[in-house]
Amino acid sequence: MNSHNNKFGVRFESHDMSDNELDELIDASVTKHVQQKKASQAAKQQVSHKQRAQRQSQLFRFSAQGMLLCAATGKHAYDSHHAAKEAALYIQTERDTELSVYCCDICGKWHLTSH
C-alpha cells in the first residue's frame, strides 16, 4: 500500500496509483464538483426569474387604457420618480389638484397621491 499527499494537502492510501495519477483523479473530481455547482446555481437563477415573473403578475395588472396598475392599491404604477412627477404636473394643470409622488412599499413603483 502506498501513501500519497496531493497538492491539496490530503493524504491518500492507494495500492497501484502514482502521485501523478492520483493528482489527475482529484483534479477531475474537483472539476466535476465545480461544474455541478455552476449548473445548480444556474438552475436556481432560472427558478428565481420564474418566481419574479409570477410575483410581478401578482403585483401588477393593466388598465383598459393599457397603463400598468399596482394590484394592491389600484393606482397607476410609474417606473421612475421623474415619470410620476411629470404625470403629477400634467394632472395638476388639467384638474387643478395638487398631487404628491411616493414609492410604493408593495410593488416598488411610483404612485401619485393627493395627501
PDB file of N, CA and C in Angstrom:
ATOM      1  N   MET A   1       0.848  -1.171   0.000  1.00  0.00           N
ATOM      2  CA  MET A   1       0.000   0.000   0.000  1.00  0.00           C
ATOM      3  C   MET A   1       0.895   1.236   0.000  1.00  0.00           C
ATOM      4  N   ASN A   2       0.590   2.214  -0.869  1.00  0.00           N
ATOM      5  CA  ASN A   2       1.369   3.439  -0.989  1.00  0.00           C
ATOM      6  C   ASN A   2       0.639   4.580  -0.312  1.00  0.00           C
ATOM      7  N   SER A   3       1.397   5.470   0.304  1.00  0.00           N
ATOM      8  CA  SER A   3       0.824   6.656   0.937  1.00  0.00           C
ATOM      9  C   SER A   3       1.112   7.854   0.038  1.00  0.00           C
ATOM     10  N   HIS A   4       0.059   8.671  -0.237  1.00  0.00           N
ATOM     11  CA  HIS A   4       0.196   9.811  -1.141  1.00  0.00           C
ATOM     12  C   HIS A   4      -0.274  11.084  -0.448  1.00  0.00           C
ATOM     13  N   ASN A   5       0.408  12.184  -0.733  1.00  0.00           N
ATOM     14  CA  ASN A   5      -0.046  13.523  -0.357  1.00  0.00           C
ATOM     15  C   ASN A   5      -0.221  14.305  -1.640  1.00  0.00           C
ATOM     16  N   ASN A   6      -1.427  14.786  -1.908  1.00  0.00           N
ATOM     17  CA  ASN A   6      -1.645  15.539  -3.143  1.00  0.00           C
ATOM     18  C   ASN A   6      -1.428  17.018  -2.904  1.00  0.00           C
ATOM     19  N   LYS A   7      -1.584  17.816  -3.954  1.00  0.00           N
ATOM     20  CA  LYS A   7      -1.325  19.257  -3.853  1.00  0.00           C
ATOM     21  C   LYS A   7      -2.351  19.977  -2.993  1.00  0.00           C
ATOM     22  N   PHE A   8      -3.461  19.308  -2.628  1.00  0.00           N
ATOM     23  CA  PHE A   8      -4.459  19.908  -1.746  1.00  0.00           C
ATOM     24  C   PHE A   8      -4.151  19.616  -0.281  1.00  0.00           C
ATOM     25  N   GLY A   9      -3.084  18.853  -0.040  1.00  0.00           N
ATOM     26  CA  GLY A   9      -2.700  18.542   1.325  1.00  0.00           C
ATOM     27  C   GLY A   9      -3.480  17.378   1.905  1.00  0.00           C
ATOM     28  N   VAL A  10      -4.143  16.614   1.051  1.00  0.00           N
ATOM     29  CA  VAL A  10      -4.918  15.473   1.518  1.00  0.00           C
ATOM     30  C   VAL A  10      -4.079  14.215   1.351  1.00  0.00           C
ATOM     31  N   ARG A  11      -4.080  13.393   2.368  1.00  0.00           N
ATOM     32  CA  ARG A  11      -3.293  12.156   2.322  1.00  0.00           C
ATOM     33  C   ARG A  11      -4.196  11.001   1.888  1.00  0.00           C
ATOM     34  N   PHE A  12      -3.698  10.213   0.935  1.00  0.00           N
ATOM     35  CA  PHE A  12      -4.457   9.078   0.412  1.00  0.00           C
ATOM     36  C   PHE A  12      -3.616   7.819   0.512  1.00  0.00           C
ATOM     37  N   GLU A  13      -4.306   6.736   0.712  1.00  0.00           N
ATOM     38  CA  GLU A  13      -3.670   5.423   0.661  1.00  0.00           C
ATOM     39  C   GLU A  13      -4.159   4.741  -0.611  1.00  0.00           C
ATOM     40  N   SER A  14      -3.267   4.222  -1.404  1.00  0.00           N
ATOM     41  CA  SER A  14      -3.674   3.522  -2.611  1.00  0.00           C
ATOM     42  C   SER A  14      -2.752   2.342  -2.851  1.00  0.00           C
ATOM     43  N   HIS A  15      -3.227   1.456  -3.677  1.00  0.00           N
ATOM     44  CA  HIS A  15      -2.445   0.269  -3.981  1.00  0.00           C
ATOM     45  C   HIS A  15      -1.581   0.451  -5.218  1.00  0.00           C
ATOM     46  N   ASP A  16      -2.182   0.922  -6.305  1.00  0.00           N
ATOM     47  CA  ASP A  16      -1.465   0.918  -7.571  1.00  0.00           C
ATOM     48  C   ASP A  16      -1.441   2.265  -8.261  1.00  0.00           C
ATOM     49  N   MET A  17      -1.576   3.376  -7.556  1.00  0.00           N
ATOM     50  CA  MET A  17      -1.617   4.697  -8.196  1.00  0.00           C
ATOM     51  C   MET A  17      -0.357   5.481  -7.887  1.00  0.00           C
ATOM     52  N   SER A  18       0.140   6.125  -8.920  1.00  0.00           N
ATOM     53  CA  SER A  18       1.270   7.029  -8.702  1.00  0.00           C
ATOM     54  C   SER A  18       0.729   8.372  -8.205  1.00  0.00           C
ATOM     55  N   ASP A  19       1.611   9.239  -7.745  1.00  0.00           N
ATOM     56  CA  ASP A  19       1.201  10.568  -7.290  1.00  0.00           C
ATOM     57  C   ASP A  19       0.533  11.342  -8.428  1.00  0.00           C
ATOM     58  N   ASN A  20       1.084  11.248  -9.649  1.00  0.00           N
ATOM     59  CA  ASN A  20       0.503  11.960 -10.802  1.00  0.00           C
ATOM     60  C   ASN A  20      -0.890  11.451 -11.132  1.00  0.00           C
ATOM     61  N   GLU A  21      -1.062  10.132 -11.119  1.00  0.00           N
ATOM     62  CA  GLU A  21      -2.379   9.559 -11.405  1.00  0.00           C
ATOM     63  C   GLU A  21      -3.399   9.995 -10.357  1.00  0.00           C
ATOM     64  N   LEU A  22      -2.978   9.998  -9.133  1.00  0.00           N
ATOM     65  CA  LEU A  22      -3.869  10.407  -8.051  1.00  0.00           C
ATOM     66  C   LEU A  22      -4.216  11.884  -8.171  1.00  0.00           C
ATOM     67  N   ASP A  23      -3.235  12.737  -8.491  1.00  0.00           N
ATOM     68  CA  ASP A  23      -3.497  14.176  -8.686  1.00  0.00           C
ATOM     69  C   ASP A  23      -4.485  14.395  -9.830  1.00  0.00           C
ATOM     70  N   GLU A  24      -4.336  13.643 -10.922  1.00  0.00           N
ATOM     71  CA  GLU A  24      -5.260  13.764 -12.054  1.00  0.00           C
ATOM     72  C   GLU A  24      -6.671  13.353 -11.647  1.00  0.00           C
ATOM     73  N   LEU A  25      -6.790  12.299 -10.871  1.00  0.00           N
ATOM     74  CA  LEU A  25      -8.090  11.840 -10.402  1.00  0.00           C
ATOM     75  C   LEU A  25      -8.747  12.896  -9.516  1.00  0.00           C
ATOM     76  N   ILE A  26      -7.987  13.511  -8.647  1.00  0.00           N
ATOM     77  CA  ILE A  26      -8.525  14.548  -7.759  1.00  0.00           C
ATOM     78  C   ILE A  26      -8.890  15.793  -8.556  1.00  0.00           C
ATOM     79  N   ASP A  27      -8.038  16.190  -9.512  1.00  0.00           N
ATOM     80  CA  ASP A  27      -8.350  17.343 -10.373  1.00  0.00           C
ATOM     81  C   ASP A  27      -9.668  17.124 -11.117  1.00  0.00           C
ATOM     82  N   ALA A  28      -9.855  15.915 -11.643  1.00  0.00           N
ATOM     83  CA  ALA A  28     -11.096  15.602 -12.361  1.00  0.00           C
ATOM     84  C   ALA A  28     -12.295  15.675 -11.415  1.00  0.00           C
ATOM     85  N   SER A  29     -12.105  15.195 -10.205  1.00  0.00           N
ATOM     86  CA  SER A  29     -13.185  15.228  -9.214  1.00  0.00           C
ATOM     87  C   SER A  29     -13.538  16.663  -8.832  1.00  0.00           C
ATOM     88  N   VAL A  30     -12.530  17.502  -8.628  1.00  0.00           N
ATOM     89  CA  VAL A  30     -12.761  18.904  -8.287  1.00  0.00           C
ATOM     90  C   VAL A  30     -13.446  19.617  -9.453  1.00  0.00           C
ATOM     91  N   THR A  31     -12.998  19.366 -10.683  1.00  0.00           N
ATOM     92  CA  THR A  31     -13.607  19.974 -11.868  1.00  0.00           C
ATOM     93  C   THR A  31     -15.072  19.584 -11.977  1.00  0.00           C
ATOM     94  N   LYS A  32     -15.367  18.304 -11.766  1.00  0.00           N
ATOM     95  CA  LYS A  32     -16.757  17.835 -11.826  1.00  0.00           C
ATOM     96  C   LYS A  32     -17.590  18.521 -10.745  1.00  0.00           C
ATOM     97  N   HIS A  33     -17.047  18.661  -9.549  1.00  0.00           N
ATOM     98  CA  HIS A  33     -17.773  19.319  -8.449  1.00  0.00           C
ATOM     99  C   HIS A  33     -18.076  20.779  -8.800  1.00  0.00           C
ATOM    100  N   VAL A  34     -17.098  21.484  -9.362  1.00  0.00           N
ATOM    101  CA  VAL A  34     -17.286  22.889  -9.742  1.00  0.00           C
ATOM    102  C   VAL A  34     -18.352  23.001 -10.827  1.00  0.00           C
ATOM    103  N   GLN A  35     -18.330  22.109 -11.809  1.00  0.00           N
ATOM    104  CA  GLN A  35     -19.329  22.128 -12.879  1.00  0.00           C
ATOM    105  C   GLN A  35     -20.732  21.868 -12.328  1.00  0.00           C
ATOM    106  N   GLN A  36     -20.843  20.924 -11.392  1.00  0.00           N
ATOM    107  CA  GLN A  36     -22.143  20.633 -10.785  1.00  0.00           C
ATOM    108  C   GLN A  36     -22.648  21.840  -9.993  1.00  0.00           C
ATOM    109  N   LYS A  37     -21.752  22.505  -9.303  1.00  0.00           N
ATOM    110  CA  LYS A  37     -22.117  23.693  -8.521  1.00  0.00           C
ATOM    111  C   LYS A  37     -22.624  24.798  -9.448  1.00  0.00           C
ATOM    112  N   LYS A  38     -21.943  25.040 -10.563  1.00  0.00           N
ATOM    113  CA  LYS A  38     -22.361  26.056 -11.530  1.00  0.00           C
ATOM    114  C   LYS A  38     -23.722  25.710 -12.122  1.00  0.00           C
ATOM    115  N   ALA A  39     -23.939  24.445 -12.448  1.00  0.00           N
ATOM    116  CA  ALA A  39     -25.222  24.021 -13.002  1.00  0.00           C
ATOM    117  C   ALA A  39     -26.340  24.217 -11.984  1.00  0.00           C
ATOM    118  N   SER A  40     -26.053  23.924 -10.738  1.00  0.00           N
ATOM    119  CA  SER A  40     -27.047  24.115  -9.674  1.00  0.00           C
ATOM    120  C   SER A  40     -27.389  25.597  -9.502  1.00  0.00           C
ATOM    121  N   GLN A  41     -26.385  26.452  -9.530  1.00  0.00           N
ATOM    122  CA  GLN A  41     -26.616  27.895  -9.404  1.00  0.00           C
ATOM    123  C   GLN A  41     -27.410  28.422 -10.593  1.00  0.00           C
ATOM    124  N   ALA A  42     -27.129  27.931 -11.796  1.00  0.00           N
ATOM    125  CA  ALA A  42     -27.864  28.359 -12.987  1.00  0.00           C
ATOM    126  C   ALA A  42     -29.327  27.940 -12.877  1.00  0.00           C
ATOM    127  N   ALA A  43     -29.578  26.740 -12.366  1.00  0.00           N
ATOM    128  CA  ALA A  43     -30.955  26.274 -12.193  1.00  0.00           C
ATOM    129  C   ALA A  43     -31.690  27.131 -11.174  1.00  0.00           C
ATOM    130  N   LYS A  44     -31.001  27.520 -10.095  1.00  0.00           N
ATOM    131  CA  LYS A  44     -31.625  28.381  -9.084  1.00  0.00           C
ATOM    132  C   LYS A  44     -31.962  29.748  -9.665  1.00  0.00           C
ATOM    133  N   GLN A  45     -31.091  30.289 -10.522  1.00  0.00           N
ATOM    134  CA  GLN A  45     -31.352  31.578 -11.144  1.00  0.00           C
ATOM    135  C   GLN A  45     -32.557  31.503 -12.057  1.00  0.00           C
ATOM    136  N   GLN A  46     -32.708  30.401 -12.788  1.00  0.00           N
ATOM    137  CA  GLN A  46     -33.872  30.242 -13.654  1.00  0.00           C
ATOM    138  C   GLN A  46     -35.150  30.198 -12.831  1.00  0.00           C
ATOM    139  N   VAL A  47     -35.106  29.518 -11.698  1.00  0.00           N
ATOM    140  CA  VAL A  47     -36.274  29.460 -10.818  1.00  0.00           C
ATOM    141  C   VAL A  47     -36.575  30.842 -10.283  1.00  0.00           C
ATOM    142  N   SER A  48     -35.544  31.593  -9.903  1.00  0.00           N
ATOM    143  CA  SER A  48     -35.794  32.921  -9.351  1.00  0.00           C
ATOM    144  C   SER A  48     -36.376  33.853 -10.420  1.00  0.00           C
ATOM    145  N   HIS A  49     -35.976  33.705 -11.688  1.00  0.00           N
ATOM    146  CA  HIS A  49     -36.576  34.505 -12.753  1.00  0.00           C
ATOM    147  C   HIS A  49     -38.055  34.162 -12.891  1.00  0.00           C
ATOM    148  N   LYS A  50     -38.357  32.870 -12.817  1.00  0.00           N
ATOM    149  CA  LYS A  50     -39.750  32.419 -12.922  1.00  0.00           C
ATOM    150  C   LYS A  50     -40.556  32.941 -11.726  1.00  0.00           C
ATOM    151  N   GLN A  51     -39.980  32.853 -10.522  1.00  0.00           N
ATOM    152  CA  GLN A  51     -40.670  33.342  -9.333  1.00  0.00           C
ATOM    153  C   GLN A  51     -40.886  34.850  -9.412  1.00  0.00           C
ATOM    154  N   ARG A  52     -39.889  35.583  -9.930  1.00  0.00           N
ATOM    155  CA  ARG A  52     -40.006  37.028 -10.065  1.00  0.00           C
ATOM    156  C   ARG A  52     -41.145  37.384 -11.028  1.00  0.00           C
ATOM    157  N   ALA A  53     -41.247  36.647 -12.117  1.00  0.00           N
ATOM    158  CA  ALA A  53     -42.323  36.892 -13.080  1.00  0.00           C
ATOM    159  C   ALA A  53     -43.690  36.604 -12.460  1.00  0.00           C
ATOM    160  N   GLN A  54     -43.769  35.528 -11.678  1.00  0.00           N
ATOM    161  CA  GLN A  54     -45.030  35.203 -11.009  1.00  0.00           C
ATOM    162  C   GLN A  54     -45.385  36.285  -9.999  1.00  0.00           C
ATOM    163  N   ARG A  55     -44.386  36.766  -9.266  1.00  0.00           N
ATOM    164  CA  ARG A  55     -44.629  37.806  -8.267  1.00  0.00           C
ATOM    165  C   ARG A  55     -45.106  39.090  -8.935  1.00  0.00           C
ATOM    166  N   GLN A  56     -44.471  39.452 -10.056  1.00  0.00           N
ATOM    167  CA  GLN A  56     -44.883  40.658 -10.765  1.00  0.00           C
ATOM    168  C   GLN A  56     -46.298  40.526 -11.287  1.00  0.00           C
ATOM    169  N   SER A  57     -46.688  39.324 -11.715  1.00  0.00           N
ATOM    170  CA  SER A  57     -48.051  39.147 -12.200  1.00  0.00           C
ATOM    171  C   SER A  57     -49.050  39.291 -11.064  1.00  0.00           C
ATOM    172  N   GLN A  58     -48.614  39.046  -9.830  1.00  0.00           N
ATOM    173  CA  GLN A  58     -49.478  39.240  -8.671  1.00  0.00           C
ATOM    174  C   GLN A  58     -49.498  40.704  -8.246  1.00  0.00           C
ATOM    175  N   LEU A  59     -48.426  41.441  -8.526  1.00  0.00           N
ATOM    176  CA  LEU A  59     -48.316  42.826  -8.085  1.00  0.00           C
ATOM    177  C   LEU A  59     -48.952  43.817  -9.044  1.00  0.00           C
ATOM    178  N   PHE A  60     -49.044  43.471 -10.321  1.00  0.00           N
ATOM    179  CA  PHE A  60     -49.499  44.436 -11.311  1.00  0.00           C
ATOM    180  C   PHE A  60     -50.624  43.881 -12.174  1.00  0.00           C
ATOM    181  N   ARG A  61     -51.393  44.793 -12.717  1.00  0.00           N
ATOM    182  CA  ARG A  61     -52.378  44.478 -13.753  1.00  0.00           C
ATOM    183  C   ARG A  61     -52.408  45.668 -14.695  1.00  0.00           C
ATOM    184  N   PHE A  62     -53.208  45.607 -15.734  1.00  0.00           N
ATOM    185  CA  PHE A  62     -53.273  46.698 -16.697  1.00  0.00           C
ATOM    186  C   PHE A  62     -54.662  47.310 -16.723  1.00  0.00           C
ATOM    187  N   SER A  63     -54.690  48.633 -16.891  1.00  0.00           N
ATOM    188  CA  SER A  63     -55.965  49.333 -17.025  1.00  0.00           C
ATOM    189  C   SER A  63     -56.498  49.126 -18.433  1.00  0.00           C
ATOM    190  N   ALA A  64     -57.732  49.551 -18.668  1.00  0.00           N
ATOM    191  CA  ALA A  64     -58.333  49.441 -20.003  1.00  0.00           C
ATOM    192  C   ALA A  64     -57.524  50.228 -21.028  1.00  0.00           C
ATOM    193  N   GLN A  65     -56.836  51.287 -20.585  1.00  0.00           N
ATOM    194  CA  GLN A  65     -56.013  52.107 -21.476  1.00  0.00           C
ATOM    195  C   GLN A  65     -54.603  51.531 -21.643  1.00  0.00           C
ATOM    196  N   GLY A  66     -54.315  50.421 -20.992  1.00  0.00           N
ATOM    197  CA  GLY A  66     -53.000  49.797 -21.106  1.00  0.00           C
ATOM    198  C   GLY A  66     -51.984  50.311 -20.109  1.00  0.00           C
ATOM    199  N   MET A  67     -52.413  51.096 -19.135  1.00  0.00           N
ATOM    200  CA  MET A  67     -51.495  51.601 -18.096  1.00  0.00           C
ATOM    201  C   MET A  67     -51.237  50.504 -17.066  1.00  0.00           C
ATOM    202  N   LEU A  68     -50.008  50.434 -16.585  1.00  0.00           N
ATOM    203  CA  LEU A  68     -49.638  49.484 -15.543  1.00  0.00           C
ATOM    204  C   LEU A  68     -50.236  49.947 -14.220  1.00  0.00           C
ATOM    205  N   LEU A  69     -50.937  49.046 -13.535  1.00  0.00           N
ATOM    206  CA  LEU A  69     -51.562  49.375 -12.258  1.00  0.00           C
ATOM    207  C   LEU A  69     -50.998  48.484 -11.162  1.00  0.00           C
ATOM    208  N   CYS A  70     -50.879  49.047  -9.967  1.00  0.00           N
ATOM    209  CA  CYS A  70     -50.473  48.283  -8.791  1.00  0.00           C
ATOM    210  C   CYS A  70     -51.682  47.449  -8.357  1.00  0.00           C
ATOM    211  N   ALA A  71     -51.507  46.142  -8.221  1.00  0.00           N
ATOM    212  CA  ALA A  71     -52.618  45.272  -7.835  1.00  0.00           C
ATOM    213  C   ALA A  71     -53.072  45.559  -6.410  1.00  0.00           C
ATOM    214  N   ALA A  72     -52.181  46.029  -5.554  1.00  0.00           N
ATOM    215  CA  ALA A  72     -52.530  46.282  -4.158  1.00  0.00           C
ATOM    216  C   ALA A  72     -53.330  47.568  -3.978  1.00  0.00           C
ATOM    217  N   THR A  73     -52.932  48.628  -4.691  1.00  0.00           N
ATOM    218  CA  THR A  73     -53.575  49.937  -4.497  1.00  0.00           C
ATOM    219  C   THR A  73     -54.521  50.311  -5.617  1.00  0.00           C
ATOM    220  N   GLY A  74     -54.335  49.712  -6.791  1.00  0.00           N
ATOM    221  CA  GLY A  74     -55.136  50.074  -7.953  1.00  0.00           C
ATOM    222  C   GLY A  74     -54.678  51.360  -8.621  1.00  0.00           C
ATOM    223  N   LYS A  75     -53.586  51.925  -8.144  1.00  0.00           N
ATOM    224  CA  LYS A  75     -53.076  53.189  -8.699  1.00  0.00           C
ATOM    225  C   LYS A  75     -52.142  52.916  -9.879  1.00  0.00           C
ATOM    226  N   HIS A  76     -52.020  53.929 -10.745  1.00  0.00           N
ATOM    227  CA  HIS A  76     -51.052  53.828 -11.842  1.00  0.00           C
ATOM    228  C   HIS A  76     -49.663  53.628 -11.254  1.00  0.00           C
ATOM    229  N   ALA A  77     -48.888  52.765 -11.880  1.00  0.00           N
ATOM    230  CA  ALA A  77     -47.537  52.453 -11.408  1.00  0.00           C
ATOM    231  C   ALA A  77     -46.538  53.027 -12.409  1.00  0.00           C
ATOM    232  N   TYR A  78     -45.754  53.996 -11.962  1.00  0.00           N
ATOM    233  CA  TYR A  78     -44.753  54.643 -12.812  1.00  0.00           C
ATOM    234  C   TYR A  78     -43.380  54.043 -12.511  1.00  0.00           C
ATOM    235  N   ASP A  79     -42.569  53.865 -13.546  1.00  0.00           N
ATOM    236  CA  ASP A  79     -41.261  53.239 -13.392  1.00  0.00           C
ATOM    237  C   ASP A  79     -40.246  54.095 -12.645  1.00  0.00           C
ATOM    238  N   SER A  80     -40.394  55.408 -12.733  1.00  0.00           N
ATOM    239  CA  SER A  80     -39.398  56.278 -12.101  1.00  0.00           C
ATOM    240  C   SER A  80     -40.078  57.447 -11.384  1.00  0.00           C
ATOM    241  N   HIS A  81     -39.330  58.052 -10.490  1.00  0.00           N
ATOM    242  CA  HIS A  81     -39.811  59.239  -9.777  1.00  0.00           C
ATOM    243  C   HIS A  81     -40.101  60.348 -10.781  1.00  0.00           C
ATOM    244  N   HIS A  82     -39.216  60.487 -11.759  1.00  0.00           N
ATOM    245  CA  HIS A  82     -39.357  61.534 -12.773  1.00  0.00           C
ATOM    246  C   HIS A  82     -40.662  61.357 -13.569  1.00  0.00           C
ATOM    247  N   ALA A  83     -40.943  60.129 -14.002  1.00  0.00           N
ATOM    248  CA  ALA A  83     -42.166  59.872 -14.777  1.00  0.00           C
ATOM    249  C   ALA A  83     -43.406  60.175 -13.954  1.00  0.00           C
ATOM    250  N   ALA A  84     -43.389  59.801 -12.682  1.00  0.00           N
ATOM    251  CA  ALA A  84     -44.534  60.067 -11.808  1.00  0.00           C
ATOM    252  C   ALA A  84     -44.684  61.570 -11.587  1.00  0.00           C
ATOM    253  N   LYS A  85     -43.587  62.271 -11.421  1.00  0.00           N
ATOM    254  CA  LYS A  85     -43.629  63.719 -11.206  1.00  0.00           C
ATOM    255  C   LYS A  85     -44.191  64.434 -12.439  1.00  0.00           C
ATOM    256  N   GLU A  86     -43.780  63.997 -13.621  1.00  0.00           N
ATOM    257  CA  GLU A  86     -44.311  64.571 -14.863  1.00  0.00           C
ATOM    258  C   GLU A  86     -45.822  64.358 -14.954  1.00  0.00           C
ATOM    259  N   ALA A  87     -46.277  63.147 -14.605  1.00  0.00           N
ATOM    260  CA  ALA A  87     -47.711  62.856 -14.632  1.00  0.00           C
ATOM    261  C   ALA A  87     -48.446  63.729 -13.615  1.00  0.00           C
ATOM    262  N   ALA A  88     -47.860  63.905 -12.439  1.00  0.00           N
ATOM    263  CA  ALA A  88     -48.481  64.733 -11.398  1.00  0.00           C
ATOM    264  C   ALA A  88     -48.620  66.187 -11.868  1.00  0.00           C
ATOM    265  N   LEU A  89     -47.583  66.709 -12.513  1.00  0.00           N
ATOM    266  CA  LEU A  89     -47.641  68.086 -13.012  1.00  0.00           C
ATOM    267  C   LEU A  89     -48.718  68.241 -14.086  1.00  0.00           C
ATOM    268  N   TYR A  90     -48.817  67.254 -14.968  1.00  0.00           N
ATOM    269  CA  TYR A  90     -49.829  67.293 -16.020  1.00  0.00           C
ATOM    270  C   TYR A  90     -51.241  67.264 -15.407  1.00  0.00           C
ATOM    271  N   ILE A  91     -51.463  66.364 -14.477  1.00  0.00           N
ATOM    272  CA  ILE A  91     -52.784  66.249 -13.841  1.00  0.00           C
ATOM    273  C   ILE A  91     -53.112  67.506 -13.043  1.00  0.00           C
ATOM    274  N   GLN A  92     -52.124  68.078 -12.383  1.00  0.00           N
ATOM    275  CA  GLN A  92     -52.352  69.304 -11.605  1.00  0.00           C
ATOM    276  C   GLN A  92     -52.823  70.441 -12.503  1.00  0.00           C
ATOM    277  N   THR A  93     -52.235  70.553 -13.691  1.00  0.00           N
ATOM    278  CA  THR A  93     -52.647  71.634 -14.594  1.00  0.00           C
ATOM    279  C   THR A  93     -54.020  71.353 -15.202  1.00  0.00           C
ATOM    280  N   GLU A  94     -54.333  70.085 -15.452  1.00  0.00           N
ATOM    281  CA  GLU A  94     -55.619  69.726 -16.048  1.00  0.00           C
ATOM    282  C   GLU A  94     -56.775  69.815 -15.037  1.00  0.00           C
ATOM    283  N   ARG A  95     -56.532  69.410 -13.802  1.00  0.00           N
ATOM    284  CA  ARG A  95     -57.608  69.298 -12.811  1.00  0.00           C
ATOM    285  C   ARG A  95     -57.498  70.298 -11.662  1.00  0.00           C
ATOM    286  N   ASP A  96     -56.429  71.059 -11.658  1.00  0.00           N
ATOM    287  CA  ASP A  96     -56.182  71.999 -10.569  1.00  0.00           C
ATOM    288  C   ASP A  96     -56.201  71.289  -9.210  1.00  0.00           C
ATOM    289  N   THR A  97     -55.514  70.133  -9.166  1.00  0.00           N
ATOM    290  CA  THR A  97     -55.422  69.316  -7.950  1.00  0.00           C
ATOM    291  C   THR A  97     -53.955  69.097  -7.636  1.00  0.00           C
ATOM    292  N   GLU A  98     -53.549  69.368  -6.401  1.00  0.00           N
ATOM    293  CA  GLU A  98     -52.152  69.169  -6.024  1.00  0.00           C
ATOM    294  C   GLU A  98     -51.914  67.705  -5.680  1.00  0.00           C
ATOM    295  N   LEU A  99     -50.906  67.115  -6.306  1.00  0.00           N
ATOM    296  CA  LEU A  99     -50.576  65.709  -6.094  1.00  0.00           C
ATOM    297  C   LEU A  99     -49.134  65.558  -5.642  1.00  0.00           C
ATOM    298  N   SER A 100     -48.903  64.513  -4.867  1.00  0.00           N
ATOM    299  CA  SER A 100     -47.549  64.162  -4.423  1.00  0.00           C
ATOM    300  C   SER A 100     -47.172  62.820  -5.029  1.00  0.00           C
ATOM    301  N   VAL A 101     -45.880  62.561  -5.054  1.00  0.00           N
ATOM    302  CA  VAL A 101     -45.343  61.321  -5.596  1.00  0.00           C
ATOM    303  C   VAL A 101     -44.731  60.517  -4.453  1.00  0.00           C
ATOM    304  N   TYR A 102     -44.964  59.194  -4.462  1.00  0.00           N
ATOM    305  CA  TYR A 102     -44.336  58.343  -3.454  1.00  0.00           C
ATOM    306  C   TYR A 102     -44.012  56.980  -4.053  1.00  0.00           C
ATOM    307  N   CYS A 103     -43.062  56.315  -3.415  1.00  0.00           N
ATOM    308  CA  CYS A 103     -42.673  54.974  -3.840  1.00  0.00           C
ATOM    309  C   CYS A 103     -43.478  53.960  -3.031  1.00  0.00           C
ATOM    310  N   CYS A 104     -44.136  53.045  -3.714  1.00  0.00           N
ATOM    311  CA  CYS A 104     -44.990  52.043  -3.078  1.00  0.00           C
ATOM    312  C   CYS A 104     -44.139  50.974  -2.387  1.00  0.00           C
ATOM    313  N   ASP A 105     -44.441  50.683  -1.137  1.00  0.00           N
ATOM    314  CA  ASP A 105     -43.717  49.649  -0.387  1.00  0.00           C
ATOM    315  C   ASP A 105     -44.034  48.247  -0.905  1.00  0.00           C
ATOM    316  N   ILE A 106     -45.160  48.096  -1.557  1.00  0.00           N
ATOM    317  CA  ILE A 106     -45.589  46.770  -2.000  1.00  0.00           C
ATOM    318  C   ILE A 106     -45.013  46.415  -3.370  1.00  0.00           C
ATOM    319  N   CYS A 107     -45.201  47.305  -4.356  1.00  0.00           N
ATOM    320  CA  CYS A 107     -44.763  46.968  -5.719  1.00  0.00           C
ATOM    321  C   CYS A 107     -43.429  47.596  -6.103  1.00  0.00           C
ATOM    322  N   GLY A 108     -42.979  48.596  -5.360  1.00  0.00           N
ATOM    323  CA  GLY A 108     -41.701  49.231  -5.665  1.00  0.00           C
ATOM    324  C   GLY A 108     -41.754  50.259  -6.778  1.00  0.00           C
ATOM    325  N   LYS A 109     -42.931  50.493  -7.332  1.00  0.00           N
ATOM    326  CA  LYS A 109     -43.097  51.504  -8.386  1.00  0.00           C
ATOM    327  C   LYS A 109     -43.538  52.818  -7.734  1.00  0.00           C
ATOM    328  N   TRP A 110     -43.683  53.854  -8.549  1.00  0.00           N
ATOM    329  CA  TRP A 110     -44.040  55.181  -8.064  1.00  0.00           C
ATOM    330  C   TRP A 110     -45.521  55.462  -8.315  1.00  0.00           C
ATOM    331  N   HIS A 111     -46.196  56.045  -7.312  1.00  0.00           N
ATOM    332  CA  HIS A 111     -47.628  56.357  -7.393  1.00  0.00           C
ATOM    333  C   HIS A 111     -47.840  57.839  -7.083  1.00  0.00           C
ATOM    334  N   LEU A 112     -49.064  58.300  -7.370  1.00  0.00           N
ATOM    335  CA  LEU A 112     -49.488  59.664  -7.074  1.00  0.00           C
ATOM    336  C   LEU A 112     -50.518  59.612  -5.952  1.00  0.00           C
ATOM    337  N   THR A 113     -50.489  60.640  -5.104  1.00  0.00           N
ATOM    338  CA  THR A 113     -51.467  60.743  -4.048  1.00  0.00           C
ATOM    339  C   THR A 113     -51.834  62.205  -3.839  1.00  0.00           C
ATOM    340  N   SER A 114     -53.039  62.433  -3.341  1.00  0.00           N
ATOM    341  CA  SER A 114     -53.465  63.802  -3.063  1.00  0.00           C
ATOM    342  C   SER A 114     -53.206  64.179  -1.608  1.00  0.00           C
ATOM    343  N   HIS A 115     -52.625  63.301  -0.855  1.00  0.00           N
ATOM    344  CA  HIS A 115     -52.357  63.580   0.579  1.00  0.00           C
ATOM    345  C   HIS A 115     -51.072  64.347   0.754  1.00  0.00           C
TER     346      HIS A 115
END
